[in-house]
């Protein structure tokens, strides 16, 4: 990984420095999960213990980091993963609600924006691509004052949990490359196609 790129990755932190609310907020039906009473914190796990599977030649599997934990508010579970390459990084989150909860319907901009914790995003082209987790919406974006070009995605999946046919599960995340590499619709399709959810 080039020094130029690794220096700029510091803004994203490691699992030990991510406040629980930054992981919980986008997946919760209620913002109350970000109160000071939140007990969940991501715990590092091995790749084999994660529900998230992602294998792409732009990302080094030796640098991948995984975390998971139970969600005391819904009785569900969260899985998170970070991936790094020579000029790229990615985050993927999977939320599985407990038996009495569903994932609220929101546009992907809301899911991504909440996890970015107020970072100013400039949105671009959008589309949908077929993948292992369904027909997934995506949208390109850039971060203000950061030299990254990104594509975010968000997909509800699994069984319906209420009479409005809302789902119990959510998978979302983003892939970013440094400023020298634009991200195309073909790149978005290729990246999202490599994401799968197991366990």
C-alpha atoms as a PDB file:
ATOM      1  CA  UNK A   1       0.000   0.000   0.000  1.00  0.00           C
ATOM      2  CA  UNK A   2       1.428   3.377  -0.949  1.00  0.00           C
ATOM      3  CA  UNK A   3       2.266   5.835   1.879  1.00  0.00           C
ATOM      4  CA  UNK A   4       0.088   8.450   0.181  1.00  0.00           C
ATOM      5  CA  UNK A   5      -2.939   6.191   0.328  1.00  0.00           C
ATOM      6  CA  UNK A   6      -2.349   4.687   3.777  1.00  0.00           C
ATOM      7  CA  UNK A   7      -2.027   8.151   5.355  1.00  0.00           C
ATOM      8  CA  UNK A   8      -5.483   9.047   4.115  1.00  0.00           C
ATOM      9  CA  UNK A   9      -7.034   5.830   5.389  1.00  0.00           C
ATOM     10  CA  UNK A  10      -6.444   6.935   8.959  1.00  0.00           C
ATOM     11  CA  UNK A  11      -9.683   8.909   8.856  1.00  0.00           C
ATOM     12  CA  UNK A  12     -11.583   5.607   8.722  1.00  0.00           C
ATOM     13  CA  UNK A  13     -10.080   4.082  11.847  1.00  0.00           C
ATOM     14  CA  UNK A  14      -9.924   0.501  13.052  1.00  0.00           C
ATOM     15  CA  UNK A  15     -12.610  -1.407  14.928  1.00  0.00           C
ATOM     16  CA  UNK A  16     -11.241  -0.330  18.277  1.00  0.00           C
ATOM     17  CA  UNK A  17     -11.829   3.325  17.430  1.00  0.00           C
ATOM     18  CA  UNK A  18     -15.314   3.130  15.886  1.00  0.00           C
ATOM     19  CA  UNK A  19     -18.034   4.373  18.255  1.00  0.00           C
ATOM     20  CA  UNK A  20     -20.834   1.775  18.466  1.00  0.00           C
ATOM     21  CA  UNK A  21     -23.364   4.343  17.220  1.00  0.00           C
ATOM     22  CA  UNK A  22     -21.590   4.672  13.870  1.00  0.00           C
ATOM     23  CA  UNK A  23     -22.188   1.003  13.214  1.00  0.00           C
ATOM     24  CA  UNK A  24     -25.609   0.709  14.848  1.00  0.00           C
ATOM     25  CA  UNK A  25     -27.401   3.819  13.619  1.00  0.00           C
ATOM     26  CA  UNK A  26     -28.008   2.880   9.981  1.00  0.00           C
ATOM     27  CA  UNK A  27     -29.300  -0.542  10.857  1.00  0.00           C
ATOM     28  CA  UNK A  28     -31.689   0.377  13.630  1.00  0.00           C
ATOM     29  CA  UNK A  29     -35.365   1.130  13.332  1.00  0.00           C
ATOM     30  CA  UNK A  30     -34.958   3.785  16.028  1.00  0.00           C
ATOM     31  CA  UNK A  31     -32.193   6.272  16.790  1.00  0.00           C
ATOM     32  CA  UNK A  32     -32.534   5.413  20.467  1.00  0.00           C
ATOM     33  CA  UNK A  33     -29.850   2.775  19.908  1.00  0.00           C
ATOM     34  CA  UNK A  34     -27.309   5.586  19.976  1.00  0.00           C
ATOM     35  CA  UNK A  35     -28.114   6.611  23.510  1.00  0.00           C
ATOM     36  CA  UNK A  36     -25.436   6.345  26.177  1.00  0.00           C
ATOM     37  CA  UNK A  37     -27.052   3.062  27.294  1.00  0.00           C
ATOM     38  CA  UNK A  38     -25.960   1.191  24.174  1.00  0.00           C
ATOM     39  CA  UNK A  39     -24.034  -1.893  25.270  1.00  0.00           C
ATOM     40  CA  UNK A  40     -23.033  -3.254  21.886  1.00  0.00           C
ATOM     41  CA  UNK A  41     -19.487  -2.860  20.669  1.00  0.00           C
ATOM     42  CA  UNK A  42     -17.888  -4.555  17.678  1.00  0.00           C
ATOM     43  CA  UNK A  43     -15.652  -7.451  18.655  1.00  0.00           C
ATOM     44  CA  UNK A  44     -12.982  -8.657  16.223  1.00  0.00           C
ATOM     45  CA  UNK A  45     -13.636 -12.104  14.750  1.00  0.00           C
ATOM     46  CA  UNK A  46     -11.993 -14.366  12.203  1.00  0.00           C
ATOM     47  CA  UNK A  47     -13.237 -14.298   8.613  1.00  0.00           C
ATOM     48  CA  UNK A  48     -14.768 -17.757   9.063  1.00  0.00           C
ATOM     49  CA  UNK A  49     -16.973 -16.404  11.895  1.00  0.00           C
ATOM     50  CA  UNK A  50     -18.380 -13.515   9.851  1.00  0.00           C
ATOM     51  CA  UNK A  51     -21.580 -13.499   7.814  1.00  0.00           C
ATOM     52  CA  UNK A  52     -19.830 -11.284   5.255  1.00  0.00           C
ATOM     53  CA  UNK A  53     -17.974 -12.798   2.319  1.00  0.00           C
ATOM     54  CA  UNK A  54     -16.100 -10.657  -0.194  1.00  0.00           C
ATOM     55  CA  UNK A  55     -13.257 -11.640  -2.486  1.00  0.00           C
ATOM     56  CA  UNK A  56     -12.012  -9.229  -5.145  1.00  0.00           C
ATOM     57  CA  UNK A  57      -8.547  -8.877  -6.729  1.00  0.00           C
ATOM     58  CA  UNK A  58      -8.344  -5.157  -5.809  1.00  0.00           C
ATOM     59  CA  UNK A  59      -8.420  -6.040  -2.090  1.00  0.00           C
ATOM     60  CA  UNK A  60      -5.860  -8.010  -0.109  1.00  0.00           C
ATOM     61  CA  UNK A  61      -7.556 -10.739   2.009  1.00  0.00           C
ATOM     62  CA  UNK A  62      -4.640 -10.592   4.457  1.00  0.00           C
ATOM     63  CA  UNK A  63      -5.610  -6.995   5.339  1.00  0.00           C
ATOM     64  CA  UNK A  64      -9.324  -7.668   5.862  1.00  0.00           C
ATOM     65  CA  UNK A  65     -10.805  -7.037   9.311  1.00  0.00           C
ATOM     66  CA  UNK A  66     -14.038  -8.527  10.638  1.00  0.00           C
ATOM     67  CA  UNK A  67     -16.179  -7.770  13.672  1.00  0.00           C
ATOM     68  CA  UNK A  68     -19.529  -8.920  14.986  1.00  0.00           C
ATOM     69  CA  UNK A  69     -21.765  -8.671  18.000  1.00  0.00           C
ATOM     70  CA  UNK A  70     -25.272  -9.046  19.324  1.00  0.00           C
ATOM     71  CA  UNK A  71     -27.692  -6.135  19.361  1.00  0.00           C
ATOM     72  CA  UNK A  72     -29.341  -5.904  22.813  1.00  0.00           C
ATOM     73  CA  UNK A  73     -32.072  -3.567  21.566  1.00  0.00           C
ATOM     74  CA  UNK A  74     -33.569  -5.905  18.952  1.00  0.00           C
ATOM     75  CA  UNK A  75     -32.120  -9.259  19.930  1.00  0.00           C
ATOM     76  CA  UNK A  76     -30.484  -9.358  16.527  1.00  0.00           C
ATOM     77  CA  UNK A  77     -26.894  -9.362  15.359  1.00  0.00           C
ATOM     78  CA  UNK A  78     -24.480  -7.169  13.451  1.00  0.00           C
ATOM     79  CA  UNK A  79     -21.541  -8.125  11.282  1.00  0.00           C
ATOM     80  CA  UNK A  80     -19.063  -5.603   9.889  1.00  0.00           C
ATOM     81  CA  UNK A  81     -16.007  -5.956   7.677  1.00  0.00           C
ATOM     82  CA  UNK A  82     -13.305  -3.692   6.282  1.00  0.00           C
ATOM     83  CA  UNK A  83     -11.211  -4.451   3.222  1.00  0.00           C
ATOM     84  CA  UNK A  84      -8.069  -2.751   1.947  1.00  0.00           C
ATOM     85  CA  UNK A  85      -6.064  -2.725  -1.272  1.00  0.00           C
ATOM     86  CA  UNK A  86      -3.177  -0.766  -2.732  1.00  0.00           C
ATOM     87  CA  UNK A  87      -5.481   2.075  -3.787  1.00  0.00           C
ATOM     88  CA  UNK A  88      -8.841   1.005  -2.350  1.00  0.00           C
ATOM     89  CA  UNK A  89     -10.815   0.387   0.800  1.00  0.00           C
ATOM     90  CA  UNK A  90     -14.310  -0.894   1.539  1.00  0.00           C
ATOM     91  CA  UNK A  91     -16.766  -1.422   4.371  1.00  0.00           C
ATOM     92  CA  UNK A  92     -19.671  -3.867   4.437  1.00  0.00           C
ATOM     93  CA  UNK A  93     -22.287  -4.117   7.201  1.00  0.00           C
ATOM     94  CA  UNK A  94     -24.898  -6.844   7.736  1.00  0.00           C
ATOM     95  CA  UNK A  95     -27.719  -6.341  10.227  1.00  0.00           C
ATOM     96  CA  UNK A  96     -30.150  -9.088  11.177  1.00  0.00           C
ATOM     97  CA  UNK A  97     -33.004  -7.870  13.340  1.00  0.00           C
ATOM     98  CA  UNK A  98     -34.479  -9.874  16.184  1.00  0.00           C
ATOM     99  CA  UNK A  99     -37.869 -11.612  15.852  1.00  0.00           C
ATOM    100  CA  UNK A 100     -39.996  -8.550  16.691  1.00  0.00           C
ATOM    101  CA  UNK A 101     -38.199  -6.006  14.487  1.00  0.00           C
ATOM    102  CA  UNK A 102     -37.947  -5.132  10.819  1.00  0.00           C
ATOM    103  CA  UNK A 103     -35.509  -2.978   8.903  1.00  0.00           C
ATOM    104  CA  UNK A 104     -37.131   0.349   7.949  1.00  0.00           C
ATOM    105  CA  UNK A 105     -37.363   1.164   4.257  1.00  0.00           C
ATOM    106  CA  UNK A 106     -34.944   3.978   3.436  1.00  0.00           C
ATOM    107  CA  UNK A 107     -33.019   5.058   0.358  1.00  0.00           C
ATOM    108  CA  UNK A 108     -29.414   3.889   0.228  1.00  0.00           C
ATOM    109  CA  UNK A 109     -28.268   7.513   0.641  1.00  0.00           C
ATOM    110  CA  UNK A 110     -29.753   7.438   4.154  1.00  0.00           C
ATOM    111  CA  UNK A 111     -28.069   4.136   5.047  1.00  0.00           C
ATOM    112  CA  UNK A 112     -24.665   5.317   3.816  1.00  0.00           C
ATOM    113  CA  UNK A 113     -25.050   8.859   5.126  1.00  0.00           C
ATOM    114  CA  UNK A 114     -25.836   7.753   8.684  1.00  0.00           C
ATOM    115  CA  UNK A 115     -22.720   5.626   8.881  1.00  0.00           C
ATOM    116  CA  UNK A 116     -20.606   8.498   7.548  1.00  0.00           C
ATOM    117  CA  UNK A 117     -21.552  10.483  10.658  1.00  0.00           C
ATOM    118  CA  UNK A 118     -22.227  13.826   9.009  1.00  0.00           C
ATOM    119  CA  UNK A 119     -19.492  13.708   6.363  1.00  0.00           C
ATOM    120  CA  UNK A 120     -20.497  15.859   3.394  1.00  0.00           C
ATOM    121  CA  UNK A 121     -21.178  13.569   0.423  1.00  0.00           C
ATOM    122  CA  UNK A 122     -21.669  14.516  -3.217  1.00  0.00           C
ATOM    123  CA  UNK A 123     -23.930  11.972  -4.922  1.00  0.00           C
ATOM    124  CA  UNK A 124     -23.605  10.919  -8.546  1.00  0.00           C
ATOM    125  CA  UNK A 125     -24.875   8.278 -10.953  1.00  0.00           C
ATOM    126  CA  UNK A 126     -27.156   5.522  -9.669  1.00  0.00           C
ATOM    127  CA  UNK A 127     -28.366   2.167 -10.936  1.00  0.00           C
ATOM    128  CA  UNK A 128     -29.175  -1.434 -10.012  1.00  0.00           C
ATOM    129  CA  UNK A 129     -27.198  -4.622 -10.557  1.00  0.00           C
ATOM    130  CA  UNK A 130     -27.963  -8.326 -10.131  1.00  0.00           C
ATOM    131  CA  UNK A 131     -25.973 -10.067  -7.409  1.00  0.00           C
ATOM    132  CA  UNK A 132     -25.977 -12.978  -4.965  1.00  0.00           C
ATOM    133  CA  UNK A 133     -28.111 -10.891  -2.594  1.00  0.00           C
ATOM    134  CA  UNK A 134     -30.730  -9.814  -5.124  1.00  0.00           C
ATOM    135  CA  UNK A 135     -31.115  -6.912  -7.502  1.00  0.00           C
ATOM    136  CA  UNK A 136     -29.082  -4.300  -5.640  1.00  0.00           C
ATOM    137  CA  UNK A 137     -29.345  -0.505  -5.934  1.00  0.00           C
ATOM    138  CA  UNK A 138     -26.080   1.448  -5.984  1.00  0.00           C
ATOM    139  CA  UNK A 139     -25.007   5.064  -6.225  1.00  0.00           C
ATOM    140  CA  UNK A 140     -21.679   6.751  -6.857  1.00  0.00           C
ATOM    141  CA  UNK A 141     -20.480   9.395  -4.409  1.00  0.00           C
ATOM    142  CA  UNK A 142     -17.510  11.508  -3.400  1.00  0.00           C
ATOM    143  CA  UNK A 143     -16.472  12.737   0.031  1.00  0.00           C
ATOM    144  CA  UNK A 144     -15.937  16.427   0.566  1.00  0.00           C
ATOM    145  CA  UNK A 145     -12.254  17.302   1.014  1.00  0.00           C
ATOM    146  CA  UNK A 146     -11.180  13.677   0.483  1.00  0.00           C
ATOM    147  CA  UNK A 147      -9.538  12.352  -2.711  1.00  0.00           C
ATOM    148  CA  UNK A 148     -11.720   9.231  -2.961  1.00  0.00           C
ATOM    149  CA  UNK A 149     -14.261   8.102  -5.566  1.00  0.00           C
ATOM    150  CA  UNK A 150     -16.794   5.671  -4.140  1.00  0.00           C
ATOM    151  CA  UNK A 151     -19.838   3.549  -4.855  1.00  0.00           C
ATOM    152  CA  UNK A 152     -22.332   2.690  -2.131  1.00  0.00           C
ATOM    153  CA  UNK A 153     -24.995  -0.025  -2.104  1.00  0.00           C
ATOM    154  CA  UNK A 154     -27.841  -1.070   0.166  1.00  0.00           C
ATOM    155  CA  UNK A 155     -30.194  -4.061   0.053  1.00  0.00           C
ATOM    156  CA  UNK A 156     -32.927  -5.403   2.347  1.00  0.00           C
ATOM    157  CA  UNK A 157     -33.265  -9.169   2.072  1.00  0.00           C
ATOM    158  CA  UNK A 158     -34.710 -12.306   3.611  1.00  0.00           C
ATOM    159  CA  UNK A 159     -38.203 -13.047   4.869  1.00  0.00           C
ATOM    160  CA  UNK A 160     -40.808 -10.334   5.350  1.00  0.00           C
ATOM    161  CA  UNK A 161     -41.247  -9.408   8.999  1.00  0.00           C
ATOM    162  CA  UNK A 162     -44.592  -7.551   9.003  1.00  0.00           C
ATOM    163  CA  UNK A 163     -47.751  -6.900   6.997  1.00  0.00           C
ATOM    164  CA  UNK A 164     -45.941  -4.159   5.032  1.00  0.00           C
ATOM    165  CA  UNK A 165     -43.570  -6.857   3.759  1.00  0.00           C
ATOM    166  CA  UNK A 166     -40.531  -5.143   5.240  1.00  0.00           C
ATOM    167  CA  UNK A 167     -37.480  -7.341   5.605  1.00  0.00           C
ATOM    168  CA  UNK A 168     -35.600  -8.365   8.747  1.00  0.00           C
ATOM    169  CA  UNK A 169     -32.128  -8.144   7.196  1.00  0.00           C
ATOM    170  CA  UNK A 170     -29.995  -5.404   5.692  1.00  0.00           C
ATOM    171  CA  UNK A 171     -26.647  -5.489   3.910  1.00  0.00           C
ATOM    172  CA  UNK A 172     -24.985  -2.279   2.806  1.00  0.00           C
ATOM    173  CA  UNK A 173     -21.596  -0.696   2.353  1.00  0.00           C
ATOM    174  CA  UNK A 174     -19.263   1.079   0.005  1.00  0.00           C
ATOM    175  CA  UNK A 175     -16.098   0.698  -2.031  1.00  0.00           C
ATOM    176  CA  UNK A 176     -13.698   3.611  -2.501  1.00  0.00           C
ATOM    177  CA  UNK A 177     -10.685   4.132  -4.742  1.00  0.00           C
ATOM    178  CA  UNK A 178      -8.155   6.948  -4.698  1.00  0.00           C
ATOM    179  CA  UNK A 179      -8.518   9.966  -6.960  1.00  0.00           C
ATOM    180  CA  UNK A 180      -6.464   8.458  -9.796  1.00  0.00           C
ATOM    181  CA  UNK A 181      -9.070   5.767 -10.461  1.00  0.00           C
ATOM    182  CA  UNK A 182     -12.655   6.611 -11.482  1.00  0.00           C
ATOM    183  CA  UNK A 183     -15.399   4.153 -10.553  1.00  0.00           C
ATOM    184  CA  UNK A 184     -17.738   3.129 -13.383  1.00  0.00           C
ATOM    185  CA  UNK A 185     -21.079   1.336 -13.516  1.00  0.00           C
ATOM    186  CA  UNK A 186     -19.191  -1.787 -14.642  1.00  0.00           C
ATOM    187  CA  UNK A 187     -16.934  -1.487 -11.571  1.00  0.00           C
ATOM    188  CA  UNK A 188     -19.996  -1.178  -9.339  1.00  0.00           C
ATOM    189  CA  UNK A 189     -21.520  -4.321 -10.822  1.00  0.00           C
ATOM    190  CA  UNK A 190     -18.249  -6.236 -10.464  1.00  0.00           C
ATOM    191  CA  UNK A 191     -17.703  -5.208  -6.832  1.00  0.00           C
ATOM    192  CA  UNK A 192     -21.261  -5.791  -5.628  1.00  0.00           C
ATOM    193  CA  UNK A 193     -21.360  -9.178  -7.363  1.00  0.00           C
ATOM    194  CA  UNK A 194     -18.481 -10.315  -5.134  1.00  0.00           C
ATOM    195  CA  UNK A 195     -20.421  -9.655  -1.897  1.00  0.00           C
ATOM    196  CA  UNK A 196     -22.359 -12.521  -0.348  1.00  0.00           C
ATOM    197  CA  UNK A 197     -23.968 -13.134   3.015  1.00  0.00           C
ATOM    198  CA  UNK A 198     -23.667 -16.467   4.790  1.00  0.00           C
ATOM    199  CA  UNK A 199     -24.415 -18.187   8.089  1.00  0.00           C
END
